Amino acid sequence: MGGSLLAIALGGSLGALSRFGIAQWIMLTWPKAFPLATFAVNLIGCLIIGILYGLWLSRPEFAPLLRQGLFIGFLGAFTTFSTFSLDALRLMENGESLMALGYILLSVCVCLLATWAGLTLVR
């Protein structure tokens, strides 16, 4: 348990710092109204989770602590959109296309509504 917590904490720290660094660099390089920094971080996170998941499937001996540090820690802090995308993809791969579509639409719409509601509560 202690090793898992340390792996997740270390991965989370590196993920958060990576997100900040990439976002800062993008915002300084391409200052536009479109949220390119968030989009780029989400895209990079999705690419990384796809690569890591593929490696994990082909190499089940992939160390559990490393997996936890990368998936839960690093990518959890870097972007949760990568996990959302993997969940949706796995539903599609399992033949649950309608559920995947519902999950995608529900997640985006309800979470957007929740963000608006939270902002409205404090305004």
PDB file of N, CA and C in Angstrom:
ATOM      1  N   MET A   1       0.829  -1.195   0.000  1.00  0.00           N
ATOM      2  CA  MET A   1       0.000   0.000   0.000  1.00  0.00           C
ATOM      3  C   MET A   1       0.870   1.255   0.000  1.00  0.00           C
ATOM      4  N   GLY A   2       1.885   1.283   0.830  1.00  0.00           N
ATOM      5  CA  GLY A   2       2.764   2.446   0.903  1.00  0.00           C
ATOM      6  C   GLY A   2       3.486   2.709  -0.405  1.00  0.00           C
ATOM      7  N   GLY A   3       3.908   1.616  -1.078  1.00  0.00           N
ATOM      8  CA  GLY A   3       4.579   1.763  -2.371  1.00  0.00           C
ATOM      9  C   GLY A   3       3.646   2.335  -3.416  1.00  0.00           C
ATOM     10  N   SER A   4       2.397   1.893  -3.394  1.00  0.00           N
ATOM     11  CA  SER A   4       1.399   2.403  -4.343  1.00  0.00           C
ATOM     12  C   SER A   4       1.175   3.898  -4.128  1.00  0.00           C
ATOM     13  N   LEU A   5       1.019   4.291  -2.882  1.00  0.00           N
ATOM     14  CA  LEU A   5       0.791   5.702  -2.585  1.00  0.00           C
ATOM     15  C   LEU A   5       1.966   6.567  -3.027  1.00  0.00           C
ATOM     16  N   LEU A   6       3.167   6.071  -2.808  1.00  0.00           N
ATOM     17  CA  LEU A   6       4.359   6.815  -3.212  1.00  0.00           C
ATOM     18  C   LEU A   6       4.434   6.920  -4.734  1.00  0.00           C
ATOM     19  N   ALA A   7       4.155   5.828  -5.440  1.00  0.00           N
ATOM     20  CA  ALA A   7       4.185   5.832  -6.902  1.00  0.00           C
ATOM     21  C   ALA A   7       3.148   6.804  -7.462  1.00  0.00           C
ATOM     22  N   ILE A   8       1.956   6.789  -6.896  1.00  0.00           N
ATOM     23  CA  ILE A   8       0.885   7.675  -7.351  1.00  0.00           C
ATOM     24  C   ILE A   8       1.225   9.130  -7.043  1.00  0.00           C
ATOM     25  N   ALA A   9       1.750   9.381  -5.845  1.00  0.00           N
ATOM     26  CA  ALA A   9       2.118  10.750  -5.463  1.00  0.00           C
ATOM     27  C   ALA A   9       3.234  11.290  -6.354  1.00  0.00           C
ATOM     28  N   LEU A  10       4.237  10.474  -6.616  1.00  0.00           N
ATOM     29  CA  LEU A  10       5.342  10.903  -7.477  1.00  0.00           C
ATOM     30  C   LEU A  10       4.843  11.142  -8.899  1.00  0.00           C
ATOM     31  N   GLY A  11       4.064  10.193  -9.414  1.00  0.00           N
ATOM     32  CA  GLY A  11       3.503  10.357 -10.756  1.00  0.00           C
ATOM     33  C   GLY A  11       2.611  11.582 -10.838  1.00  0.00           C
ATOM     34  N   GLY A  12       1.788  11.790  -9.810  1.00  0.00           N
ATOM     35  CA  GLY A  12       0.896  12.944  -9.786  1.00  0.00           C
ATOM     36  C   GLY A  12       1.655  14.256  -9.785  1.00  0.00           C
ATOM     37  N   SER A  13       2.715  14.305  -9.016  1.00  0.00           N
ATOM     38  CA  SER A  13       3.536  15.523  -8.991  1.00  0.00           C
ATOM     39  C   SER A  13       4.125  15.811 -10.363  1.00  0.00           C
ATOM     40  N   LEU A  14       4.676  14.781 -10.995  1.00  0.00           N
ATOM     41  CA  LEU A  14       5.270  14.956 -12.324  1.00  0.00           C
ATOM     42  C   LEU A  14       4.216  15.302 -13.371  1.00  0.00           C
ATOM     43  N   GLY A  15       3.037  14.703 -13.250  1.00  0.00           N
ATOM     44  CA  GLY A  15       1.959  15.000 -14.187  1.00  0.00           C
ATOM     45  C   GLY A  15       1.470  16.429 -14.075  1.00  0.00           C
ATOM     46  N   ALA A  16       1.283  16.880 -12.849  1.00  0.00           N
ATOM     47  CA  ALA A  16       0.824  18.261 -12.632  1.00  0.00           C
ATOM     48  C   ALA A  16       1.864  19.266 -13.122  1.00  0.00           C
ATOM     49  N   LEU A  17       3.128  19.020 -12.824  1.00  0.00           N
ATOM     50  CA  LEU A  17       4.188  19.921 -13.282  1.00  0.00           C
ATOM     51  C   LEU A  17       4.304  19.907 -14.803  1.00  0.00           C
ATOM     52  N   SER A  18       4.141  18.743 -15.405  1.00  0.00           N
ATOM     53  CA  SER A  18       4.190  18.637 -16.870  1.00  0.00           C
ATOM     54  C   SER A  18       3.040  19.396 -17.509  1.00  0.00           C
ATOM     55  N   ARG A  19       1.856  19.229 -16.940  1.00  0.00           N
ATOM     56  CA  ARG A  19       0.685  19.953 -17.466  1.00  0.00           C
ATOM     57  C   ARG A  19       0.931  21.459 -17.401  1.00  0.00           C
ATOM     58  N   PHE A  20       1.394  21.937 -16.264  1.00  0.00           N
ATOM     59  CA  PHE A  20       1.653  23.359 -16.089  1.00  0.00           C
ATOM     60  C   PHE A  20       2.696  23.849 -17.090  1.00  0.00           C
ATOM     61  N   GLY A  21       3.792  23.116 -17.205  1.00  0.00           N
ATOM     62  CA  GLY A  21       4.880  23.523 -18.103  1.00  0.00           C
ATOM     63  C   GLY A  21       4.449  23.565 -19.559  1.00  0.00           C
ATOM     64  N   ILE A  22       3.753  22.539 -20.004  1.00  0.00           N
ATOM     65  CA  ILE A  22       3.288  22.501 -21.390  1.00  0.00           C
ATOM     66  C   ILE A  22       2.270  23.608 -21.640  1.00  0.00           C
ATOM     67  N   ALA A  23       1.340  23.776 -20.717  1.00  0.00           N
ATOM     68  CA  ALA A  23       0.314  24.808 -20.873  1.00  0.00           C
ATOM     69  C   ALA A  23       0.944  26.201 -20.928  1.00  0.00           C
ATOM     70  N   GLN A  24       1.911  26.465 -20.060  1.00  0.00           N
ATOM     71  CA  GLN A  24       2.583  27.769 -20.041  1.00  0.00           C
ATOM     72  C   GLN A  24       3.294  28.016 -21.369  1.00  0.00           C
ATOM     73  N   TRP A  25       4.009  27.012 -21.846  1.00  0.00           N
ATOM     74  CA  TRP A  25       4.752  27.149 -23.093  1.00  0.00           C
ATOM     75  C   TRP A  25       3.805  27.420 -24.257  1.00  0.00           C
ATOM     76  N   ILE A  26       2.698  26.684 -24.325  1.00  0.00           N
ATOM     77  CA  ILE A  26       1.731  26.869 -25.411  1.00  0.00           C
ATOM     78  C   ILE A  26       1.092  28.253 -25.333  1.00  0.00           C
ATOM     79  N   MET A  27       0.705  28.675 -24.136  1.00  0.00           N
ATOM     80  CA  MET A  27       0.056  29.989 -23.998  1.00  0.00           C
ATOM     81  C   MET A  27       1.002  31.135 -24.362  1.00  0.00           C
ATOM     82  N   LEU A  28       2.285  30.966 -24.085  1.00  0.00           N
ATOM     83  CA  LEU A  28       3.253  31.996 -24.454  1.00  0.00           C
ATOM     84  C   LEU A  28       3.571  31.970 -25.943  1.00  0.00           C
ATOM     85  N   THR A  29       3.550  30.784 -26.529  1.00  0.00           N
ATOM     86  CA  THR A  29       3.902  30.619 -27.929  1.00  0.00           C
ATOM     87  C   THR A  29       2.735  30.953 -28.856  1.00  0.00           C
ATOM     88  N   TRP A  30       1.545  30.532 -28.483  1.00  0.00           N
ATOM     89  CA  TRP A  30       0.353  30.748 -29.316  1.00  0.00           C
ATOM     90  C   TRP A  30      -0.767  31.373 -28.502  1.00  0.00           C
ATOM     91  N   PRO A  31      -0.664  32.642 -28.152  1.00  0.00           N
ATOM     92  CA  PRO A  31      -1.735  33.265 -27.360  1.00  0.00           C
ATOM     93  C   PRO A  31      -2.974  33.530 -28.230  1.00  0.00           C
ATOM     94  N   LYS A  32      -3.969  32.709 -28.080  1.00  0.00           N
ATOM     95  CA  LYS A  32      -5.219  32.838 -28.840  1.00  0.00           C
ATOM     96  C   LYS A  32      -6.392  32.638 -27.893  1.00  0.00           C
ATOM     97  N   ALA A  33      -7.581  32.926 -28.401  1.00  0.00           N
ATOM     98  CA  ALA A  33      -8.791  32.741 -27.593  1.00  0.00           C
ATOM     99  C   ALA A  33      -9.134  31.262 -27.442  1.00  0.00           C
ATOM    100  N   PHE A  34      -8.831  30.431 -28.460  1.00  0.00           N
ATOM    101  CA  PHE A  34      -9.109  28.994 -28.386  1.00  0.00           C
ATOM    102  C   PHE A  34      -8.259  28.368 -27.288  1.00  0.00           C
ATOM    103  N   PRO A  35      -8.842  27.524 -26.434  1.00  0.00           N
ATOM    104  CA  PRO A  35      -8.068  26.926 -25.326  1.00  0.00           C
ATOM    105  C   PRO A  35      -7.115  25.833 -25.830  1.00  0.00           C
ATOM    106  N   LEU A  36      -6.127  26.254 -26.606  1.00  0.00           N
ATOM    107  CA  LEU A  36      -5.184  25.326 -27.226  1.00  0.00           C
ATOM    108  C   LEU A  36      -4.366  24.563 -26.184  1.00  0.00           C
ATOM    109  N   ALA A  37      -4.010  25.210 -25.094  1.00  0.00           N
ATOM    110  CA  ALA A  37      -3.199  24.541 -24.068  1.00  0.00           C
ATOM    111  C   ALA A  37      -3.949  23.346 -23.487  1.00  0.00           C
ATOM    112  N   THR A  38      -5.204  23.532 -23.118  1.00  0.00           N
ATOM    113  CA  THR A  38      -5.995  22.435 -22.565  1.00  0.00           C
ATOM    114  C   THR A  38      -6.211  21.353 -23.610  1.00  0.00           C
ATOM    115  N   PHE A  39      -6.522  21.757 -24.837  1.00  0.00           N
ATOM    116  CA  PHE A  39      -6.726  20.802 -25.917  1.00  0.00           C
ATOM    117  C   PHE A  39      -5.464  19.976 -26.145  1.00  0.00           C
ATOM    118  N   ALA A  40      -4.313  20.642 -26.188  1.00  0.00           N
ATOM    119  CA  ALA A  40      -3.046  19.950 -26.432  1.00  0.00           C
ATOM    120  C   ALA A  40      -2.721  18.971 -25.308  1.00  0.00           C
ATOM    121  N   VAL A  41      -2.904  19.408 -24.066  1.00  0.00           N
ATOM    122  CA  VAL A  41      -2.631  18.535 -22.926  1.00  0.00           C
ATOM    123  C   VAL A  41      -3.550  17.307 -22.974  1.00  0.00           C
ATOM    124  N   ASN A  42      -4.830  17.523 -23.269  1.00  0.00           N
ATOM    125  CA  ASN A  42      -5.759  16.403 -23.368  1.00  0.00           C
ATOM    126  C   ASN A  42      -5.376  15.461 -24.505  1.00  0.00           C
ATOM    127  N   LEU A  43      -4.983  16.012 -25.639  1.00  0.00           N
ATOM    128  CA  LEU A  43      -4.569  15.199 -26.779  1.00  0.00           C
ATOM    129  C   LEU A  43      -3.311  14.389 -26.446  1.00  0.00           C
ATOM    130  N   ILE A  44      -2.337  15.033 -25.848  1.00  0.00           N
ATOM    131  CA  ILE A  44      -1.097  14.343 -25.453  1.00  0.00           C
ATOM    132  C   ILE A  44      -1.397  13.253 -24.432  1.00  0.00           C
ATOM    133  N   GLY A  45      -2.242  13.568 -23.449  1.00  0.00           N
ATOM    134  CA  GLY A  45      -2.613  12.578 -22.438  1.00  0.00           C
ATOM    135  C   GLY A  45      -3.311  11.374 -23.051  1.00  0.00           C
ATOM    136  N   CYS A  46      -4.169  11.621 -24.031  1.00  0.00           N
ATOM    137  CA  CYS A  46      -4.864  10.512 -24.700  1.00  0.00           C
ATOM    138  C   CYS A  46      -3.881   9.648 -25.489  1.00  0.00           C
ATOM    139  N   LEU A  47      -2.933  10.283 -26.156  1.00  0.00           N
ATOM    140  CA  LEU A  47      -1.916   9.522 -26.884  1.00  0.00           C
ATOM    141  C   LEU A  47      -1.090   8.679 -25.913  1.00  0.00           C
ATOM    142  N   ILE A  48      -0.674   9.278 -24.807  1.00  0.00           N
ATOM    143  CA  ILE A  48       0.133   8.555 -23.815  1.00  0.00           C
ATOM    144  C   ILE A  48      -0.642   7.392 -23.211  1.00  0.00           C
ATOM    145  N   ILE A  49      -1.923   7.596 -22.856  1.00  0.00           N
ATOM    146  CA  ILE A  49      -2.666   6.502 -22.241  1.00  0.00           C
ATOM    147  C   ILE A  49      -2.902   5.373 -23.238  1.00  0.00           C
ATOM    148  N   GLY A  50      -3.072   5.721 -24.513  1.00  0.00           N
ATOM    149  CA  GLY A  50      -3.214   4.687 -25.536  1.00  0.00           C
ATOM    150  C   GLY A  50      -1.949   3.854 -25.674  1.00  0.00           C
ATOM    151  N   ILE A  51      -0.811   4.518 -25.693  1.00  0.00           N
ATOM    152  CA  ILE A  51       0.479   3.824 -25.780  1.00  0.00           C
ATOM    153  C   ILE A  51       0.697   2.940 -24.553  1.00  0.00           C
ATOM    154  N   LEU A  52       0.493   3.508 -23.368  1.00  0.00           N
ATOM    155  CA  LEU A  52       0.724   2.745 -22.137  1.00  0.00           C
ATOM    156  C   LEU A  52      -0.239   1.569 -21.998  1.00  0.00           C
ATOM    157  N   TYR A  53      -1.496   1.784 -22.368  1.00  0.00           N
ATOM    158  CA  TYR A  53      -2.479   0.697 -22.283  1.00  0.00           C
ATOM    159  C   TYR A  53      -2.109  -0.417 -23.259  1.00  0.00           C
ATOM    160  N   GLY A  54      -1.672  -0.052 -24.459  1.00  0.00           N
ATOM    161  CA  GLY A  54      -1.223  -1.049 -25.431  1.00  0.00           C
ATOM    162  C   GLY A  54      -0.023  -1.838 -24.915  1.00  0.00           C
ATOM    163  N   LEU A  55       0.917  -1.143 -24.287  1.00  0.00           N
ATOM    164  CA  LEU A  55       2.074  -1.826 -23.696  1.00  0.00           C
ATOM    165  C   LEU A  55       1.638  -2.752 -22.570  1.00  0.00           C
ATOM    166  N   TRP A  56       0.721  -2.281 -21.749  1.00  0.00           N
ATOM    167  CA  TRP A  56       0.231  -3.080 -20.630  1.00  0.00           C
ATOM    168  C   TRP A  56      -0.470  -4.345 -21.130  1.00  0.00           C
ATOM    169  N   LEU A  57      -1.272  -4.218 -22.212  1.00  0.00           N
ATOM    170  CA  LEU A  57      -1.962  -5.393 -22.763  1.00  0.00           C
ATOM    171  C   LEU A  57      -0.986  -6.413 -23.331  1.00  0.00           C
ATOM    172  N   SER A  58       0.086  -5.925 -23.959  1.00  0.00           N
ATOM    173  CA  SER A  58       1.050  -6.844 -24.561  1.00  0.00           C
ATOM    174  C   SER A  58       2.096  -7.342 -23.571  1.00  0.00           C
ATOM    175  N   ARG A  59       2.210  -6.688 -22.447  1.00  0.00           N
ATOM    176  CA  ARG A  59       3.196  -7.067 -21.425  1.00  0.00           C
ATOM    177  C   ARG A  59       2.549  -7.055 -20.044  1.00  0.00           C
ATOM    178  N   PRO A  60       1.831  -8.107 -19.710  1.00  0.00           N
ATOM    179  CA  PRO A  60       1.148  -8.124 -18.414  1.00  0.00           C
ATOM    180  C   PRO A  60       2.104  -8.063 -17.221  1.00  0.00           C
ATOM    181  N   GLU A  61       3.369  -8.320 -17.453  1.00  0.00           N
ATOM    182  CA  GLU A  61       4.335  -8.256 -16.354  1.00  0.00           C
ATOM    183  C   GLU A  61       4.736  -6.817 -16.024  1.00  0.00           C
ATOM    184  N   PHE A  62       4.212  -5.862 -16.764  1.00  0.00           N
ATOM    185  CA  PHE A  62       4.430  -4.445 -16.506  1.00  0.00           C
ATOM    186  C   PHE A  62       4.211  -4.204 -15.016  1.00  0.00           C
ATOM    187  N   ALA A  63       5.216  -3.701 -14.326  1.00  0.00           N
ATOM    188  CA  ALA A  63       5.177  -3.554 -12.870  1.00  0.00           C
ATOM    189  C   ALA A  63       3.941  -2.791 -12.404  1.00  0.00           C
ATOM    190  N   PRO A  64       3.173  -3.368 -11.476  1.00  0.00           N
ATOM    191  CA  PRO A  64       1.961  -2.698 -10.978  1.00  0.00           C
ATOM    192  C   PRO A  64       2.233  -1.296 -10.412  1.00  0.00           C
ATOM    193  N   LEU A  65       3.339  -1.118  -9.711  1.00  0.00           N
ATOM    194  CA  LEU A  65       3.644   0.214  -9.152  1.00  0.00           C
ATOM    195  C   LEU A  65       3.898   1.230 -10.262  1.00  0.00           C
ATOM    196  N   LEU A  66       4.575   0.788 -11.314  1.00  0.00           N
ATOM    197  CA  LEU A  66       4.831   1.674 -12.438  1.00  0.00           C
ATOM    198  C   LEU A  66       3.520   2.021 -13.134  1.00  0.00           C
ATOM    199  N   ARG A  67       2.669   1.022 -13.302  1.00  0.00           N
ATOM    200  CA  ARG A  67       1.351   1.238 -13.908  1.00  0.00           C
ATOM    201  C   ARG A  67       0.538   2.240 -13.081  1.00  0.00           C
ATOM    202  N   GLN A  68       0.513   2.062 -11.780  1.00  0.00           N
ATOM    203  CA  GLN A  68      -0.233   2.972 -10.901  1.00  0.00           C
ATOM    204  C   GLN A  68       0.347   4.381 -10.955  1.00  0.00           C
ATOM    205  N   GLY A  69       1.658   4.461 -10.932  1.00  0.00           N
ATOM    206  CA  GLY A  69       2.314   5.769 -10.980  1.00  0.00           C
ATOM    207  C   GLY A  69       2.033   6.505 -12.278  1.00  0.00           C
ATOM    208  N   LEU A  70       1.997   5.758 -13.389  1.00  0.00           N
ATOM    209  CA  LEU A  70       1.764   6.389 -14.682  1.00  0.00           C
ATOM    210  C   LEU A  70       0.285   6.663 -14.950  1.00  0.00           C
ATOM    211  N   PHE A  71      -0.569   5.637 -14.760  1.00  0.00           N
ATOM    212  CA  PHE A  71      -1.984   5.791 -15.088  1.00  0.00           C
ATOM    213  C   PHE A  71      -2.715   6.679 -14.081  1.00  0.00           C
ATOM    214  N   ILE A  72      -2.628   6.324 -12.811  1.00  0.00           N
ATOM    215  CA  ILE A  72      -3.382   7.047 -11.786  1.00  0.00           C
ATOM    216  C   ILE A  72      -2.675   8.354 -11.423  1.00  0.00           C
ATOM    217  N   GLY A  73      -1.378   8.274 -11.182  1.00  0.00           N
ATOM    218  CA  GLY A  73      -0.636   9.445 -10.751  1.00  0.00           C
ATOM    219  C   GLY A  73      -0.379  10.447 -11.859  1.00  0.00           C
ATOM    220  N   PHE A  74       0.507  10.073 -12.798  1.00  0.00           N
ATOM    221  CA  PHE A  74       0.916  11.019 -13.841  1.00  0.00           C
ATOM    222  C   PHE A  74      -0.260  11.473 -14.693  1.00  0.00           C
ATOM    223  N   LEU A  75      -0.955  10.514 -15.313  1.00  0.00           N
ATOM    224  CA  LEU A  75      -2.047  10.895 -16.209  1.00  0.00           C
ATOM    225  C   LEU A  75      -3.247  11.447 -15.452  1.00  0.00           C
ATOM    226  N   GLY A  76      -3.456  10.998 -14.222  1.00  0.00           N
ATOM    227  CA  GLY A  76      -4.541  11.543 -13.407  1.00  0.00           C
ATOM    228  C   GLY A  76      -4.347  13.022 -13.117  1.00  0.00           C
ATOM    229  N   ALA A  77      -3.104  13.418 -12.917  1.00  0.00           N
ATOM    230  CA  ALA A  77      -2.813  14.830 -12.669  1.00  0.00           C
ATOM    231  C   ALA A  77      -2.629  15.598 -13.968  1.00  0.00           C
ATOM    232  N   PHE A  78      -2.120  14.926 -14.984  1.00  0.00           N
ATOM    233  CA  PHE A  78      -1.881  15.574 -16.272  1.00  0.00           C
ATOM    234  C   PHE A  78      -3.208  15.878 -16.959  1.00  0.00           C
ATOM    235  N   THR A  79      -4.093  14.896 -17.016  1.00  0.00           N
ATOM    236  CA  THR A  79      -5.417  15.083 -17.605  1.00  0.00           C
ATOM    237  C   THR A  79      -6.303  13.896 -17.284  1.00  0.00           C
ATOM    238  N   THR A  80      -7.513  14.136 -16.806  1.00  0.00           N
ATOM    239  CA  THR A  80      -8.449  13.025 -16.624  1.00  0.00           C
ATOM    240  C   THR A  80      -9.187  12.727 -17.920  1.00  0.00           C
ATOM    241  N   PHE A  81      -9.032  13.604 -18.904  1.00  0.00           N
ATOM    242  CA  PHE A  81      -9.670  13.371 -20.194  1.00  0.00           C
ATOM    243  C   PHE A  81      -9.133  12.106 -20.843  1.00  0.00           C
ATOM    244  N   SER A  82      -7.874  11.787 -20.567  1.00  0.00           N
ATOM    245  CA  SER A  82      -7.301  10.564 -21.130  1.00  0.00           C
ATOM    246  C   SER A  82      -8.010   9.335 -20.582  1.00  0.00           C
ATOM    247  N   THR A  83      -8.314   9.327 -19.300  1.00  0.00           N
ATOM    248  CA  THR A  83      -9.030   8.205 -18.700  1.00  0.00           C
ATOM    249  C   THR A  83     -10.452   8.130 -19.250  1.00  0.00           C
ATOM    250  N   PHE A  84     -11.104   9.256 -19.377  1.00  0.00           N
ATOM    251  CA  PHE A  84     -12.441   9.318 -19.970  1.00  0.00           C
ATOM    252  C   PHE A  84     -12.416   8.715 -21.378  1.00  0.00           C
ATOM    253  N   SER A  85     -11.423   9.098 -22.180  1.00  0.00           N
ATOM    254  CA  SER A  85     -11.318   8.599 -23.544  1.00  0.00           C
ATOM    255  C   SER A  85     -11.072   7.099 -23.584  1.00  0.00           C
ATOM    256  N   LEU A  86     -10.218   6.612 -22.693  1.00  0.00           N
ATOM    257  CA  LEU A  86      -9.948   5.177 -22.639  1.00  0.00           C
ATOM    258  C   LEU A  86     -11.200   4.412 -22.230  1.00  0.00           C
ATOM    259  N   ASP A  87     -11.937   4.913 -21.252  1.00  0.00           N
ATOM    260  CA  ASP A  87     -13.182   4.254 -20.833  1.00  0.00           C
ATOM    261  C   ASP A  87     -14.161   4.168 -21.998  1.00  0.00           C
ATOM    262  N   ALA A  88     -14.318   5.252 -22.743  1.00  0.00           N
ATOM    263  CA  ALA A  88     -15.227   5.267 -23.890  1.00  0.00           C
ATOM    264  C   ALA A  88     -14.751   4.296 -24.971  1.00  0.00           C
ATOM    265  N   LEU A  89     -13.458   4.287 -25.232  1.00  0.00           N
ATOM    266  CA  LEU A  89     -12.902   3.384 -26.237  1.00  0.00           C
ATOM    267  C   LEU A  89     -13.101   1.922 -25.850  1.00  0.00           C
ATOM    268  N   ARG A  90     -12.880   1.610 -24.582  1.00  0.00           N
ATOM    269  CA  ARG A  90     -13.060   0.236 -24.116  1.00  0.00           C
ATOM    270  C   ARG A  90     -14.520  -0.199 -24.238  1.00  0.00           C
ATOM    271  N   LEU A  91     -15.460   0.701 -23.977  1.00  0.00           N
ATOM    272  CA  LEU A  91     -16.869   0.376 -24.180  1.00  0.00           C
ATOM    273  C   LEU A  91     -17.128   0.059 -25.652  1.00  0.00           C
ATOM    274  N   MET A  92     -16.577   0.862 -26.555  1.00  0.00           N
ATOM    275  CA  MET A  92     -16.748   0.620 -27.995  1.00  0.00           C
ATOM    276  C   MET A  92     -16.121  -0.707 -28.413  1.00  0.00           C
ATOM    277  N   GLU A  93     -14.916  -0.969 -27.918  1.00  0.00           N
ATOM    278  CA  GLU A  93     -14.236  -2.227 -28.254  1.00  0.00           C
ATOM    279  C   GLU A  93     -14.986  -3.445 -27.740  1.00  0.00           C
ATOM    280  N   ASN A  94     -15.729  -3.273 -26.658  1.00  0.00           N
ATOM    281  CA  ASN A  94     -16.515  -4.375 -26.088  1.00  0.00           C
ATOM    282  C   ASN A  94     -17.905  -4.473 -26.711  1.00  0.00           C
ATOM    283  N   GLY A  95     -18.121  -3.765 -27.817  1.00  0.00           N
ATOM    284  CA  GLY A  95     -19.393  -3.842 -28.515  1.00  0.00           C
ATOM    285  C   GLY A  95     -20.507  -3.037 -27.870  1.00  0.00           C
ATOM    286  N   GLU A  96     -20.174  -2.160 -26.961  1.00  0.00           N
ATOM    287  CA  GLU A  96     -21.154  -1.344 -26.252  1.00  0.00           C
ATOM    288  C   GLU A  96     -21.176   0.073 -26.841  1.00  0.00           C
ATOM    289  N   SER A  97     -21.361   0.169 -28.158  1.00  0.00           N
ATOM    290  CA  SER A  97     -21.298   1.467 -28.840  1.00  0.00           C
ATOM    291  C   SER A  97     -22.345   2.442 -28.343  1.00  0.00           C
ATOM    292  N   LEU A  98     -23.568   1.976 -28.127  1.00  0.00           N
ATOM    293  CA  LEU A  98     -24.621   2.856 -27.650  1.00  0.00           C
ATOM    294  C   LEU A  98     -24.308   3.371 -26.239  1.00  0.00           C
ATOM    295  N   MET A  99     -23.794   2.480 -25.391  1.00  0.00           N
ATOM    296  CA  MET A  99     -23.412   2.901 -24.045  1.00  0.00           C
ATOM    297  C   MET A  99     -22.246   3.885 -24.115  1.00  0.00           C
ATOM    298  N   ALA A 100     -21.299   3.645 -25.022  1.00  0.00           N
ATOM    299  CA  ALA A 100     -20.166   4.554 -25.183  1.00  0.00           C
ATOM    300  C   ALA A 100     -20.645   5.931 -25.605  1.00  0.00           C
ATOM    301  N   LEU A 101     -21.562   5.978 -26.565  1.00  0.00           N
ATOM    302  CA  LEU A 101     -22.099   7.257 -27.016  1.00  0.00           C
ATOM    303  C   LEU A 101     -22.834   7.962 -25.880  1.00  0.00           C
ATOM    304  N   GLY A 102     -23.620   7.216 -25.131  1.00  0.00           N
ATOM    305  CA  GLY A 102     -24.317   7.790 -23.983  1.00  0.00           C
ATOM    306  C   GLY A 102     -23.349   8.317 -22.946  1.00  0.00           C
ATOM    307  N   TYR A 103     -22.309   7.548 -22.686  1.00  0.00           N
ATOM    308  CA  TYR A 103     -21.284   7.956 -21.718  1.00  0.00           C
ATOM    309  C   TYR A 103     -20.604   9.250 -22.166  1.00  0.00           C
ATOM    310  N   ILE A 104     -20.269   9.321 -23.445  1.00  0.00           N
ATOM    311  CA  ILE A 104     -19.599  10.509 -23.982  1.00  0.00           C
ATOM    312  C   ILE A 104     -20.510  11.733 -23.884  1.00  0.00           C
ATOM    313  N   LEU A 105     -21.724  11.588 -24.387  1.00  0.00           N
ATOM    314  CA  LEU A 105     -22.655  12.718 -24.375  1.00  0.00           C
ATOM    315  C   LEU A 105     -23.018  13.138 -22.955  1.00  0.00           C
ATOM    316  N   LEU A 106     -23.284  12.147 -22.116  1.00  0.00           N
ATOM    317  CA  LEU A 106     -23.645  12.441 -20.737  1.00  0.00           C
ATOM    318  C   LEU A 106     -22.487  13.115 -20.004  1.00  0.00           C
ATOM    319  N   SER A 107     -21.294  12.589 -20.181  1.00  0.00           N
ATOM    320  CA  SER A 107     -20.125  13.159 -19.502  1.00  0.00           C
ATOM    321  C   SER A 107     -19.897  14.605 -19.911  1.00  0.00           C
ATOM    322  N   VAL A 108     -19.889  14.852 -21.203  1.00  0.00           N
ATOM    323  CA  VAL A 108     -19.608  16.209 -21.676  1.00  0.00           C
ATOM    324  C   VAL A 108     -20.727  17.164 -21.261  1.00  0.00           C
ATOM    325  N   CYS A 109     -21.969  16.786 -21.533  1.00  0.00           N
ATOM    326  CA  CYS A 109     -23.091  17.695 -21.263  1.00  0.00           C
ATOM    327  C   CYS A 109     -23.330  17.900 -19.768  1.00  0.00           C
ATOM    328  N   VAL A 110     -23.372  16.822 -19.007  1.00  0.00           N
ATOM    329  CA  VAL A 110     -23.650  16.940 -17.577  1.00  0.00           C
ATOM    330  C   VAL A 110     -22.492  17.614 -16.853  1.00  0.00           C
ATOM    331  N   CYS A 111     -21.264  17.305 -17.242  1.00  0.00           N
ATOM    332  CA  CYS A 111     -20.121  17.946 -16.588  1.00  0.00           C
ATOM    333  C   CYS A 111     -20.051  19.427 -16.935  1.00  0.00           C
ATOM    334  N   LEU A 112     -20.391  19.773 -18.149  1.00  0.00           N
ATOM    335  CA  LEU A 112     -20.446  21.184 -18.520  1.00  0.00           C
ATOM    336  C   LEU A 112     -21.526  21.890 -17.705  1.00  0.00           C
ATOM    337  N   LEU A 113     -22.663  21.249 -17.556  1.00  0.00           N
ATOM    338  CA  LEU A 113     -23.751  21.795 -16.747  1.00  0.00           C
ATOM    339  C   LEU A 113     -23.327  21.929 -15.274  1.00  0.00           C
ATOM    340  N   ALA A 114     -22.617  20.926 -14.755  1.00  0.00           N
ATOM    341  CA  ALA A 114     -22.147  20.973 -13.365  1.00  0.00           C
ATOM    342  C   ALA A 114     -21.146  22.103 -13.168  1.00  0.00           C
ATOM    343  N   THR A 115     -20.282  22.317 -14.150  1.00  0.00           N
ATOM    344  CA  THR A 115     -19.327  23.419 -14.067  1.00  0.00           C
ATOM    345  C   THR A 115     -20.061  24.754 -14.039  1.00  0.00           C
ATOM    346  N   TRP A 116     -21.057  24.896 -14.910  1.00  0.00           N
ATOM    347  CA  TRP A 116     -21.874  26.106 -14.919  1.00  0.00           C
ATOM    348  C   TRP A 116     -22.596  26.285 -13.586  1.00  0.00           C
ATOM    349  N   ALA A 117     -23.164  25.181 -13.052  1.00  0.00           N
ATOM    350  CA  ALA A 117     -23.889  25.250 -11.783  1.00  0.00           C
ATOM    351  C   ALA A 117     -22.966  25.674 -10.644  1.00  0.00           C
ATOM    352  N   GLY A 118     -21.767  25.103 -10.603  1.00  0.00           N
ATOM    353  CA  GLY A 118     -20.810  25.472  -9.562  1.00  0.00           C
ATOM    354  C   GLY A 118     -20.429  26.931  -9.650  1.00  0.00           C
ATOM    355  N   LEU A 119     -20.180  27.403 -10.870  1.00  0.00           N
ATOM    356  CA  LEU A 119     -19.831  28.803 -11.070  1.00  0.00           C
ATOM    357  C   LEU A 119     -21.001  29.706 -10.679  1.00  0.00           C
ATOM    358  N   THR A 120     -22.198  29.300 -11.041  1.00  0.00           N
ATOM    359  CA  THR A 120     -23.401  30.072 -10.710  1.00  0.00           C
ATOM    360  C   THR A 120     -23.600  30.154  -9.203  1.00  0.00           C
ATOM    361  N   LEU A 121     -23.314  29.074  -8.490  1.00  0.00           N
ATOM    362  CA  LEU A 121     -23.471  29.061  -7.029  1.00  0.00           C
ATOM    363  C   LEU A 121     -22.571  30.087  -6.344  1.00  0.00           C
ATOM    364  N   VAL A 122     -21.393  30.295  -6.864  1.00  0.00           N
ATOM    365  CA  VAL A 122     -20.465  31.205  -6.186  1.00  0.00           C
ATOM    366  C   VAL A 122     -20.513  32.630  -6.729  1.00  0.00           C
ATOM    367  N   ARG A 123     -21.229  32.850  -7.794  1.00  0.00           N
ATOM    368  CA  ARG A 123     -21.343  34.221  -8.347  1.00  0.00           C
ATOM    369  C   ARG A 123     -22.290  35.049  -7.535  1.00  0.00           C
TER     370      ARG A 123
END
